[in-house]
Each structure stands twice: as C-alpha cells, then as structure tokens.
Protein backbone atom coordinates (compact mmCIF):
# COMPACT_ATOMS: atom_id res chain seq x y z
CA MET A 1 -9.17 -59.16 -9.55
CA LYS A 2 -11.49 -56.65 -7.87
CA LEU A 3 -9.06 -56.44 -4.97
CA LYS A 4 -6.16 -55.54 -7.32
CA ILE A 5 -8.24 -52.81 -8.98
CA ALA A 6 -9.31 -51.42 -5.60
CA VAL A 7 -5.73 -51.38 -4.29
CA THR A 8 -4.46 -49.75 -7.51
CA PHE A 9 -7.22 -47.11 -7.32
CA LEU A 10 -6.42 -46.47 -3.66
CA ILE A 11 -2.69 -46.04 -4.40
CA ILE A 12 -3.35 -43.67 -7.31
CA SER A 13 -5.85 -41.56 -5.36
CA THR A 14 -3.48 -41.36 -2.38
CA SER A 15 -0.59 -40.22 -4.56
CA PHE A 16 -2.77 -37.48 -6.05
CA SER A 17 -3.81 -36.24 -2.63
CA ILE A 18 -0.20 -36.18 -1.41
CA ALA A 19 0.99 -34.24 -4.47
CA GLN A 20 -1.63 -31.50 -4.16
CA ASN A 21 -0.76 -28.15 -2.69
CA LYS A 22 -2.76 -26.69 0.15
CA VAL A 23 -3.98 -23.18 -0.69
CA GLY A 24 -5.59 -20.73 1.72
CA THR A 25 -6.86 -17.17 1.86
CA ILE A 26 -6.60 -14.40 4.43
CA ASP A 27 -8.22 -11.01 4.94
CA SER A 28 -5.09 -9.18 6.03
CA ASP A 29 -6.70 -5.73 6.02
CA TYR A 30 -9.38 -6.96 8.42
CA ILE A 31 -6.74 -8.35 10.79
CA VAL A 32 -4.56 -5.23 10.62
CA ASN A 33 -7.58 -3.03 11.37
CA LEU A 34 -8.21 -5.10 14.53
CA MET A 35 -4.61 -4.93 15.78
CA PRO A 36 -4.22 -2.58 18.79
CA GLU A 37 -1.13 -1.00 17.22
CA THR A 38 -3.27 0.23 14.32
CA LYS A 39 -5.11 2.72 16.55
CA VAL A 40 -1.81 4.18 17.73
CA ALA A 41 -0.52 4.43 14.14
CA MET A 42 -3.73 6.05 12.92
CA ASP A 43 -3.78 8.55 15.81
CA THR A 44 -0.17 9.51 15.10
CA SER A 45 -1.00 9.86 11.42
CA GLN A 46 -4.02 12.06 12.17
CA LYS A 47 -1.94 14.33 14.43
CA TYR A 48 0.60 14.72 11.64
CA GLY A 49 -2.25 15.49 9.21
CA SER A 50 -3.61 18.11 11.61
CA THR A 51 -0.21 19.80 11.73
CA LEU A 52 -0.09 19.90 7.94
CA ASP A 53 -3.68 21.19 7.83
CA SER A 54 -3.02 24.01 10.28
CA SER A 55 -0.05 25.19 8.25
CA PHE A 56 -2.16 25.00 5.09
CA ASN A 57 -5.03 26.90 6.73
CA ILE A 58 -2.70 29.75 7.69
CA GLN A 59 -1.65 30.05 4.07
CA VAL A 60 -5.29 29.93 2.89
CA VAL A 61 -6.27 32.73 5.28
CA ASP A 62 -3.37 34.85 4.03
CA PHE A 63 -4.43 34.19 0.42
CA LYS A 64 -8.07 35.12 1.14
CA ASN A 65 -6.98 38.32 2.88
CA ARG A 66 -4.95 39.30 -0.18
CA VAL A 67 -7.88 38.53 -2.50
CA ASP A 68 -10.25 40.59 -0.32
CA LYS A 69 -7.77 43.48 -0.19
CA TYR A 70 -7.43 43.32 -3.98
CA ALA A 71 -11.22 43.25 -4.45
CA MET A 72 -11.68 46.35 -2.25
CA ARG A 73 -8.98 48.35 -4.04
CA GLU A 74 -9.51 47.02 -7.58
CA LYS A 75 -11.57 50.01 -8.83
CA GLU A 76 -8.93 52.55 -7.86
CA MET A 77 -5.96 50.58 -9.29
CA GLY A 78 -4.30 51.16 -12.58
CA VAL A 79 -4.08 48.45 -15.27
CA LEU A 80 -0.44 47.61 -14.54
CA GLU A 81 -1.02 47.34 -10.78
CA LYS A 82 -4.08 45.10 -11.33
CA LYS A 83 -2.13 42.84 -13.65
CA THR A 84 0.78 42.56 -11.22
CA ILE A 85 -1.45 41.71 -8.25
CA GLN A 86 -3.48 39.23 -10.32
CA GLN A 87 -0.25 37.46 -11.29
CA GLU A 88 0.84 37.38 -7.64
CA LEU A 89 -2.52 35.92 -6.61
CA ALA A 90 -2.37 33.31 -9.38
CA THR A 91 1.13 32.33 -8.26
CA LEU A 92 -0.02 32.07 -4.63
CA GLU A 93 -2.98 29.94 -5.67
CA LYS A 94 -0.68 27.55 -7.56
CA GLU A 95 1.61 27.37 -4.53
CA LEU A 96 -1.39 26.52 -2.33
CA GLN A 97 -2.40 23.72 -4.70
CA LYS A 98 1.17 22.44 -4.78
CA TYR A 99 1.40 22.57 -0.98
CA GLN A 100 -1.87 20.66 -0.64
CA LYS A 101 -0.71 18.00 -3.10
CA ASN A 102 2.65 17.65 -1.30
CA ALA A 103 0.93 17.53 2.10
CA ASN A 104 -1.33 14.71 0.91
CA MET A 105 1.71 12.82 -0.36
CA LEU A 106 3.60 13.39 2.91
CA LEU A 107 0.60 12.21 4.90
CA LYS A 108 0.35 9.04 2.83
CA LEU A 109 4.08 8.38 3.23
CA ARG A 110 3.84 8.91 6.99
CA ARG A 111 0.83 6.58 7.26
CA ASP A 112 2.64 3.92 5.21
CA GLU A 113 5.73 4.31 7.40
CA LEU A 114 3.65 3.80 10.54
CA MET A 115 1.72 0.83 9.13
CA ARG A 116 4.70 -1.01 7.60
CA PRO A 117 5.75 -2.71 10.89
CA LEU A 118 2.20 -3.97 11.40
CA TYR A 119 2.08 -5.56 7.95
CA LYS A 120 5.54 -7.02 8.54
CA LYS A 121 4.40 -8.53 11.84
CA LEU A 122 1.30 -9.96 10.14
CA SER A 123 3.35 -11.31 7.24
CA ASP A 124 5.71 -13.10 9.62
CA LEU A 125 2.78 -14.64 11.49
CA ILE A 126 1.11 -15.71 8.24
CA ALA A 127 4.32 -17.54 7.29
CA VAL A 128 4.45 -19.31 10.67
CA VAL A 129 0.79 -20.35 10.57
CA SER A 130 1.08 -21.43 6.93
CA LYS A 131 4.10 -23.63 7.64
CA GLU A 132 2.51 -25.12 10.76
CA ASN A 133 -0.66 -26.02 8.84
CA GLY A 134 0.99 -27.18 5.61
CA TYR A 135 -0.17 -24.40 3.27
CA SER A 136 1.94 -23.93 0.17
CA GLN A 137 0.20 -20.69 -0.86
CA VAL A 138 -2.00 -18.13 0.86
CA PHE A 139 -3.78 -15.39 -1.10
CA THR A 140 -5.18 -12.17 0.28
CA VAL A 141 -8.93 -11.86 -0.23
CA THR A 142 -8.74 -8.12 -0.92
CA GLY A 143 -6.57 -8.56 -4.01
CA ASN A 144 -4.68 -11.04 -6.13
CA GLN A 145 -1.59 -10.95 -3.97
CA PHE A 146 0.28 -13.68 -2.20
CA ALA A 147 0.34 -13.33 1.55
CA TYR A 148 2.61 -16.40 1.71
CA PHE A 149 4.10 -18.94 -0.67
CA ASP A 150 6.35 -21.89 -0.08
CA SER A 151 9.54 -21.29 -2.03
CA ASN A 152 9.78 -25.04 -2.67
CA PHE A 153 7.06 -24.55 -5.28
CA ASP A 154 8.82 -21.65 -7.05
CA ILE A 155 9.58 -22.63 -10.65
CA THR A 156 11.64 -19.55 -11.55
CA LYS A 157 14.90 -21.51 -11.76
CA LEU A 158 13.30 -24.26 -13.86
CA VAL A 159 11.93 -21.75 -16.37
CA MET A 160 15.25 -19.90 -16.50
CA ASP A 161 17.04 -23.20 -17.19
CA LYS A 162 14.60 -23.97 -20.04
CA LEU A 163 15.27 -20.52 -21.50
CA GLY A 164 19.01 -20.98 -21.12
CA ILE A 165 19.32 -18.04 -18.72
CA SER A 166 21.92 -18.39 -16.01
CA THR A 167 21.21 -17.21 -12.49
CA PRO A 168 23.15 -14.06 -11.52
CA THR A 169 25.42 -14.51 -8.53
CA ASP A 170 23.82 -11.72 -6.44
CA ARG A 171 20.09 -11.88 -7.12
CA GLN A 172 18.28 -8.92 -5.55
C-alpha cells in the first residue's frame, strides 16, 4: 500500500515539474553597455550632438549681441522702436527654445537609431539562449518587459475564441 502511494506521489510530482514553465531574467541594459559597438554608437551620437550644439551656440551668440545692442541704445530709442525690437527679441528667444527642443529630439532619435541594431542583436541572442536552455519567458530586470517569450504559451487565440472574435487574415 505504501509503495502504491509513493509511486502515485512520484508520478503526480513529476507531472507538475514537467508542466511548469522555466522563467528567467536578464539585465539587457548592462549587457548593451558592455558591448563594444555601444562605444562607437555613443561616440557617433556625441559628435552629432556637438554639431547641433555648435549651431545652437552661434544662434545664442547672435541673440546676446542683439540684446546687448538693444540695451546700449534703449535710452535713445522711441517707444515704437523699443516695442518693435522687444518683439523681435521675444520671437528670437522663442525660436531658440524651439531649436533647442528640436535638437534634443533629433539627438534622441539619432541615439535610438544607432542603438537599435545592438538591441536587435541582443534580442536575437536572448531568444537563442532561451531556447537552448528551455526558458519559456525571460523578463528584463530594469522593467516589466519581456525580453523573450515562447509563442507556444501565448493564449491570445484561446481568449479570442472564448470571446467569439475571429482572427483577421493579415495580423500585423
């Protein structure tokens, strides 16, 4: 009798261990920061940022010169001339702020463009390592994102079937 209970317990525990998914984590940012290609991408990004900065600095110097010129001549100007120059300076200041905002956005886009191949390379390697080691899911430690998941465990179709939703022919 004890043998039957032991065998039954062994079979049940084995079936539970087989049915469990293997989940892992990865610090993808740490790995990307150690990749040699990252230094090249960051250097290229910094050079691009320097180009944007130099153009911005030229505009700032021009703006400061106009403000200084206005300040020196302000006492001898008429009301209409003061108002006109003040409006011009306000417009230039807004343009400088807009340029700086756009430059920051362009720099971010350029950095993302340079880093995208590195993250793609890492993602492909994560998938290979995950498959080789039997992981069904791998989370990034820097966020709640999947670095890899086995599509065999995706229940999207099952839920759609329960809801009575048919799968479109060209799912994007």
